[in-house]
N, C-alpha and C. Protein backbone atom coordinates (compact mmCIF):
# COMPACT_ATOMS: atom_id res chain seq x y z
N MET A 1 144.65 155.20 76.35
CA MET A 1 144.52 156.54 75.83
C MET A 1 143.24 156.60 74.99
N THR A 2 142.46 157.62 75.22
CA THR A 2 141.21 157.80 74.47
C THR A 2 141.49 158.60 73.20
N LYS A 3 140.49 158.67 72.34
CA LYS A 3 140.63 159.43 71.10
C LYS A 3 140.90 160.91 71.42
N ALA A 4 140.19 161.45 72.40
CA ALA A 4 140.39 162.86 72.78
C ALA A 4 141.82 163.11 73.27
N GLU A 5 142.34 162.18 74.04
CA GLU A 5 143.72 162.31 74.53
C GLU A 5 144.72 162.22 73.36
N LEU A 6 144.44 161.34 72.41
CA LEU A 6 145.32 161.21 71.24
C LEU A 6 145.28 162.49 70.40
N VAL A 7 144.11 163.05 70.23
CA VAL A 7 143.98 164.32 69.49
C VAL A 7 144.78 165.41 70.19
N SER A 8 144.71 165.47 71.51
CA SER A 8 145.48 166.47 72.27
C SER A 8 146.97 166.26 72.08
N LYS A 9 147.42 165.01 72.10
CA LYS A 9 148.83 164.68 71.92
C LYS A 9 149.31 165.09 70.52
N ILE A 10 148.51 164.79 69.50
CA ILE A 10 148.85 165.16 68.12
C ILE A 10 148.94 166.68 68.00
N ALA A 11 147.97 167.38 68.57
CA ALA A 11 147.95 168.84 68.51
C ALA A 11 149.19 169.43 69.18
N GLU A 12 149.55 168.86 70.32
CA GLU A 12 150.72 169.35 71.08
C GLU A 12 152.03 169.08 70.34
N LYS A 13 152.22 167.84 69.89
CA LYS A 13 153.48 167.46 69.23
C LYS A 13 153.63 168.09 67.85
N GLY A 14 152.54 168.25 67.14
CA GLY A 14 152.61 168.77 65.78
C GLY A 14 152.35 170.25 65.67
N ASP A 15 152.09 170.90 66.79
CA ASP A 15 151.79 172.33 66.81
C ASP A 15 150.58 172.64 65.93
N TYR A 16 149.51 171.83 66.10
CA TYR A 16 148.26 172.02 65.38
C TYR A 16 147.19 172.46 66.37
N THR A 17 146.09 172.96 65.84
CA THR A 17 144.93 173.19 66.71
C THR A 17 144.29 171.83 66.95
N LYS A 18 143.51 171.73 68.01
CA LYS A 18 142.83 170.46 68.29
C LYS A 18 141.86 170.12 67.17
N LYS A 19 141.25 171.13 66.58
CA LYS A 19 140.31 170.90 65.48
C LYS A 19 141.03 170.28 64.28
N ASP A 20 142.22 170.81 63.95
CA ASP A 20 143.00 170.27 62.83
C ASP A 20 143.51 168.86 63.14
N ALA A 21 143.93 168.63 64.39
CA ALA A 21 144.41 167.31 64.79
C ALA A 21 143.28 166.29 64.72
N GLU A 22 142.09 166.67 65.16
CA GLU A 22 140.91 165.80 65.10
C GLU A 22 140.60 165.45 63.64
N LYS A 23 140.66 166.44 62.77
CA LYS A 23 140.37 166.22 61.35
C LYS A 23 141.41 165.28 60.73
N ALA A 24 142.68 165.48 61.06
CA ALA A 24 143.75 164.63 60.52
C ALA A 24 143.58 163.19 61.00
N LEU A 25 143.33 163.01 62.28
CA LEU A 25 143.16 161.66 62.83
C LEU A 25 141.96 160.96 62.20
N SER A 26 140.85 161.68 62.09
CA SER A 26 139.65 161.10 61.49
C SER A 26 139.89 160.72 60.03
N THR A 27 140.66 161.53 59.32
CA THR A 27 140.98 161.25 57.92
C THR A 27 141.83 159.99 57.80
N VAL A 28 142.83 159.86 58.65
CA VAL A 28 143.71 158.68 58.62
C VAL A 28 142.91 157.41 58.96
N VAL A 29 142.15 157.46 60.04
CA VAL A 29 141.36 156.29 60.45
C VAL A 29 140.33 155.93 59.38
N GLY A 30 139.67 156.92 58.82
CA GLY A 30 138.70 156.68 57.75
C GLY A 30 139.33 156.07 56.52
N SER A 31 140.51 156.56 56.17
CA SER A 31 141.21 156.04 54.99
C SER A 31 141.64 154.58 55.20
N ILE A 32 142.16 154.29 56.38
CA ILE A 32 142.55 152.90 56.68
C ILE A 32 141.32 152.00 56.64
N THR A 33 140.22 152.47 57.19
CA THR A 33 138.97 151.69 57.18
C THR A 33 138.51 151.43 55.75
N ASP A 34 138.57 152.45 54.90
CA ASP A 34 138.15 152.29 53.50
C ASP A 34 139.01 151.25 52.77
N VAL A 35 140.31 151.30 53.00
CA VAL A 35 141.22 150.36 52.34
C VAL A 35 140.96 148.93 52.82
N LEU A 36 140.78 148.75 54.13
CA LEU A 36 140.51 147.41 54.67
C LEU A 36 139.17 146.88 54.19
N THR A 37 138.18 147.75 54.11
CA THR A 37 136.86 147.36 53.64
C THR A 37 136.93 146.87 52.19
N ALA A 38 137.83 147.46 51.41
CA ALA A 38 138.01 147.07 50.02
C ALA A 38 138.80 145.76 49.89
N GLY A 39 139.33 145.25 51.02
CA GLY A 39 140.06 143.99 51.00
C GLY A 39 141.56 144.13 50.83
N ASP A 40 142.05 145.35 50.82
CA ASP A 40 143.49 145.58 50.68
C ASP A 40 144.13 145.74 52.05
N LYS A 41 145.46 145.92 52.07
CA LYS A 41 146.14 146.13 53.34
C LYS A 41 146.90 147.44 53.30
N VAL A 42 147.17 147.97 54.49
CA VAL A 42 147.90 149.23 54.63
C VAL A 42 149.20 148.93 55.36
N THR A 43 150.33 149.25 54.73
CA THR A 43 151.63 149.03 55.34
C THR A 43 152.30 150.36 55.59
N LEU A 44 152.61 150.63 56.85
CA LEU A 44 153.33 151.83 57.24
C LEU A 44 154.71 151.36 57.69
N ILE A 45 155.71 151.55 56.84
CA ILE A 45 157.06 151.06 57.10
C ILE A 45 157.54 151.57 58.46
N GLY A 46 158.02 150.65 59.28
CA GLY A 46 158.51 150.99 60.61
C GLY A 46 157.44 150.99 61.68
N PHE A 47 156.17 151.10 61.28
CA PHE A 47 155.08 151.11 62.26
C PHE A 47 154.36 149.77 62.28
N GLY A 48 153.83 149.36 61.13
CA GLY A 48 153.14 148.08 61.08
C GLY A 48 152.22 147.96 59.89
N THR A 49 151.47 146.86 59.86
CA THR A 49 150.58 146.56 58.75
C THR A 49 149.19 146.26 59.27
N PHE A 50 148.20 146.94 58.68
CA PHE A 50 146.80 146.67 58.94
C PHE A 50 146.31 145.80 57.80
N GLU A 51 145.60 144.72 58.11
CA GLU A 51 145.09 143.84 57.06
C GLU A 51 143.81 143.17 57.52
N VAL A 52 143.15 142.51 56.57
CA VAL A 52 141.93 141.76 56.86
C VAL A 52 142.29 140.29 56.81
N ARG A 53 141.90 139.56 57.85
CA ARG A 53 142.15 138.11 57.88
C ARG A 53 140.82 137.38 57.91
N GLN A 54 140.82 136.20 57.30
CA GLN A 54 139.63 135.36 57.28
C GLN A 54 139.68 134.41 58.48
N ARG A 55 138.66 134.45 59.29
CA ARG A 55 138.57 133.53 60.43
C ARG A 55 137.66 132.37 60.03
N LYS A 56 138.11 131.15 60.25
CA LYS A 56 137.35 129.96 59.87
C LYS A 56 136.12 129.78 60.76
N ALA A 57 135.15 129.05 60.22
CA ALA A 57 133.98 128.69 61.01
C ALA A 57 134.41 127.68 62.07
N LYS A 58 133.76 127.71 63.22
CA LYS A 58 134.12 126.77 64.29
C LYS A 58 132.91 126.45 65.14
N LYS A 59 133.07 125.46 65.98
CA LYS A 59 132.01 125.07 66.91
C LYS A 59 132.30 125.69 68.26
N GLY A 60 131.27 126.17 68.93
CA GLY A 60 131.41 126.73 70.25
C GLY A 60 130.30 126.20 71.15
N ILE A 61 130.27 126.66 72.37
CA ILE A 61 129.24 126.25 73.33
C ILE A 61 128.61 127.50 73.92
N ASN A 62 127.29 127.57 73.89
CA ASN A 62 126.57 128.66 74.51
C ASN A 62 126.73 128.49 76.02
N PRO A 63 127.35 129.44 76.72
CA PRO A 63 127.62 129.26 78.14
C PRO A 63 126.37 129.19 79.02
N SER A 64 125.29 129.81 78.58
CA SER A 64 124.09 129.77 79.42
C SER A 64 123.28 128.50 79.24
N THR A 65 123.24 127.93 78.02
CA THR A 65 122.45 126.73 77.78
C THR A 65 123.29 125.47 77.65
N LYS A 66 124.59 125.62 77.51
CA LYS A 66 125.54 124.51 77.32
C LYS A 66 125.29 123.75 76.03
N GLN A 67 124.56 124.36 75.10
CA GLN A 67 124.27 123.74 73.82
C GLN A 67 125.36 124.11 72.80
N PRO A 68 125.71 123.18 71.90
CA PRO A 68 126.69 123.50 70.86
C PRO A 68 126.14 124.56 69.91
N VAL A 69 127.01 125.42 69.44
CA VAL A 69 126.62 126.51 68.54
C VAL A 69 127.64 126.56 67.40
N LYS A 70 127.15 126.80 66.18
CA LYS A 70 128.05 126.99 65.05
C LYS A 70 128.41 128.47 64.98
N ILE A 71 129.69 128.75 64.96
CA ILE A 71 130.16 130.12 64.83
C ILE A 71 130.60 130.27 63.37
N PRO A 72 129.96 131.17 62.63
CA PRO A 72 130.25 131.28 61.20
C PRO A 72 131.62 131.88 60.91
N ALA A 73 132.13 131.61 59.71
CA ALA A 73 133.38 132.22 59.26
C ALA A 73 133.14 133.72 59.09
N LYS A 74 134.19 134.50 59.31
CA LYS A 74 134.05 135.94 59.12
C LYS A 74 135.41 136.58 58.88
N LYS A 75 135.36 137.81 58.38
CA LYS A 75 136.57 138.58 58.16
C LYS A 75 136.78 139.49 59.37
N VAL A 76 138.03 139.61 59.81
CA VAL A 76 138.35 140.46 60.96
C VAL A 76 139.57 141.33 60.64
N PRO A 77 139.58 142.56 61.16
CA PRO A 77 140.76 143.39 60.97
C PRO A 77 141.89 142.91 61.87
N ALA A 78 143.13 143.07 61.40
CA ALA A 78 144.29 142.64 62.19
C ALA A 78 145.41 143.65 62.02
N PHE A 79 146.28 143.72 63.02
CA PHE A 79 147.44 144.61 62.96
C PHE A 79 148.67 143.83 63.35
N LYS A 80 149.72 143.97 62.56
CA LYS A 80 151.00 143.35 62.87
C LYS A 80 152.03 144.47 63.02
N ALA A 81 152.60 144.57 64.21
CA ALA A 81 153.57 145.64 64.49
C ALA A 81 154.84 145.45 63.67
N GLY A 82 155.39 146.57 63.21
CA GLY A 82 156.64 146.56 62.46
C GLY A 82 157.84 146.48 63.38
N LYS A 83 158.99 146.23 62.80
CA LYS A 83 160.22 146.04 63.57
C LYS A 83 160.56 147.28 64.41
N ALA A 84 160.48 148.46 63.81
CA ALA A 84 160.84 149.69 64.54
C ALA A 84 159.92 149.92 65.73
N LEU A 85 158.62 149.65 65.56
CA LEU A 85 157.67 149.82 66.67
C LEU A 85 157.97 148.81 67.78
N LYS A 86 158.24 147.57 67.41
CA LYS A 86 158.56 146.55 68.41
C LYS A 86 159.81 146.93 69.20
N GLU A 87 160.82 147.41 68.49
CA GLU A 87 162.06 147.80 69.16
C GLU A 87 161.85 149.01 70.08
N ALA A 88 161.06 149.97 69.62
CA ALA A 88 160.80 151.16 70.44
C ALA A 88 160.06 150.79 71.72
N VAL A 89 159.10 149.90 71.62
CA VAL A 89 158.36 149.47 72.80
C VAL A 89 159.25 148.67 73.74
N ALA A 90 160.11 147.83 73.18
CA ALA A 90 161.02 147.01 74.01
C ALA A 90 162.04 147.87 74.75
N LYS A 91 162.49 148.96 74.13
CA LYS A 91 163.49 149.83 74.75
C LYS A 91 162.90 150.76 75.80
N LYS A 92 161.61 151.07 75.70
CA LYS A 92 160.98 152.04 76.58
C LYS A 92 161.06 151.57 78.02
N LYS A 93 161.62 152.44 78.88
CA LYS A 93 161.72 152.12 80.31
C LYS A 93 160.44 152.50 81.00
N LYS A 94 160.09 151.75 82.03
CA LYS A 94 158.87 152.04 82.80
C LYS A 94 159.16 153.03 83.89
């Protein structure tokens, strides 16, 4: 699903205009980004938790030259699904 499709879905389910749905989605995504950038986590009970995790430095191999490469440590965003979301996905029939 693309962002445009999600905006359409929000507008349809919430009885909003697409402009209002776009603004709401952008506000939520921007707010989550701001919180993660500050190093905090966002927990939405029943949905899941967005957080920042530290990835350790490691050794890799450049596939084109076959030379060893050092991959530096970095912070990455992560999402852990909540119990209600996991159950909803498991119950959904195809």
